[in-house]
Amino acid sequence: MHKIFIIIQREYLTRVRKKSFLIMTILGPILMASVYILPVYLTTLSDEEKTVQVLDETGLFEKEFNNTEDFQFIPIKMDFETAKKNFSLSGDYGLLYIPATELSVPTTGILYTTSSPSIDITSHIKNVMKREVESLKLEASGIDPDILRAIKSSIVLNTLKIDESGNEEKSYTEINMGLSIFAALLIYLFIFIFGAQVMRGVIEEKTNRIVEVIVSSVKPFQLMMGKIVGVAMVGLTQFSLWIVLTTILVGVFMATVGGDEMMTGSQKMMGTQGKVLSAQELTEFSKAAQAESSSTMQIIEGIQSIDAPVMIGSFLFYFLFGYLLYGALFAAIGSAVDNETDTQQFMLPVTIPLILSMVMIGFIITSPGGPVAFWLSIIPLTSPVIMMARIPFGVPVWEIWLSMGLLVVGFVGATWLAGKIYRTGILMYGKKISYKELGKWIKYRN
């Protein structure tokens, strides 16, 4: 045990002192924080109001285009050719041309821009024209458009879970889905990243013949265990630093500029800066504010409903033992070959369960309590990813314990199997290994 601890210490200190570890420890939080910070920041950059000229030969739409915080619509009266020439000299953002039709309601518009139009302006124009065309068709049919719009209603569906004791608990499906995919993806990436580190480390030591010196004082199995556990500790250290540094970066952003930027962006979205709202605009603003407040409250309540100790504890367990399971297999592959090129034939069978787990995520989150989800969360090779995808939706305690127990058993079995391959392969050089040869190594007795 003392020798294994020394190997763990060597692997840990060697890797955390590498420049690659320091660089990724710094870049990781920056990339993760930017996922939150950039969208908030970018919404404040588009302060310049863009002008769109509207040449409506039908006379039906020009008054329907109200100015927004990003676009100003200016009706013009002239022939089309003159409008095109003037537009090219005006420096305005766009020219919207709606040609007249004689026998039908106009449904076609042409937008000329000096650059590729954004999705915001094209969607806005289509929505305005669609709404007006629908109103015209309704009026032609003798139906009051205002009555039809009053009939439209938004439905709020609250979902509640009832446990075996009859207790009710509100569930948040969208938040659970996001958390499920995020947790499963992290497990998947960490197993691949740190498992590959073990394999490369074994190949490097084998190629440099360092392992010949090491195995003279320790058993191959002790060397393998020390290497796997050492890299696992490196992974946990880096992940912990990522979480802490990402939280600090987001917190600093919110404390300095984030709050003001978000408030300004919200005011712009509502178009309330320096304007006196009409009764209709006030009603729409009130509805939008209520919807935004309701959505924000649901997100906050959804986050608060998450059982953080269970999620964090489960993540650490499945990350650690999922990595240990695959780390042992990757170490066995590394000991059986002389270079990374030769690992491909052995990597595919080992990684297929992991890849299958990610492919099945979409199905799992739509049916987290189904038989497919159950069995994939029980089988050790797929349980680290699939069980983490199921836990946010609520999993019976006995299923979690069964999955954890089988994963530990799978790790022990994989370590025993990998140890037999490792013991022979670590000293094998210059020979192309086949599956038949690996079978012989496994059957060897001490």
Foldseek 3Di string as FASTA:
>chain_A
DVLLVVLLVVLQVVVCPDPVLVVCLVVLLVVVLCVVVVVLVVLLPQQDAAEEEEEEPAPQQQVLDPGARRYDYHYDDDDDVVVVVVVVVVPGAWYKYFDDDDPDDGQDIDIDGPDDDDPVVVVVVNVSSVLSRVCVVCVVVVHHPVVVVVPDDDDDDWDWDQDPVRDIDTADLVVLQVQLLVLLVVLLVLLVVLLVVLLVVLLVCLQVVVVVVVCVVPALLSSLSSNLSSSLVSSVVSVVSSVVSSVVVNVVCCVPPSVVSNVVSVCSNLVPPPDDDDPVSVVVSVVVVVVVVVVVVVVVVNVVPFPVVVLVVLSSLLSSLLSLLSSLQSNLLSLQDNDPVLSVVVVVVLCVLSVVLSVCLVVCSVPVPDPVLLVLLQQLSRVSSSVSSNPSVPDDPVSSVNSSVNSVVSSVVSSLLSSLSNNPSSNDPDDRDDPVNSVVSSPDDD
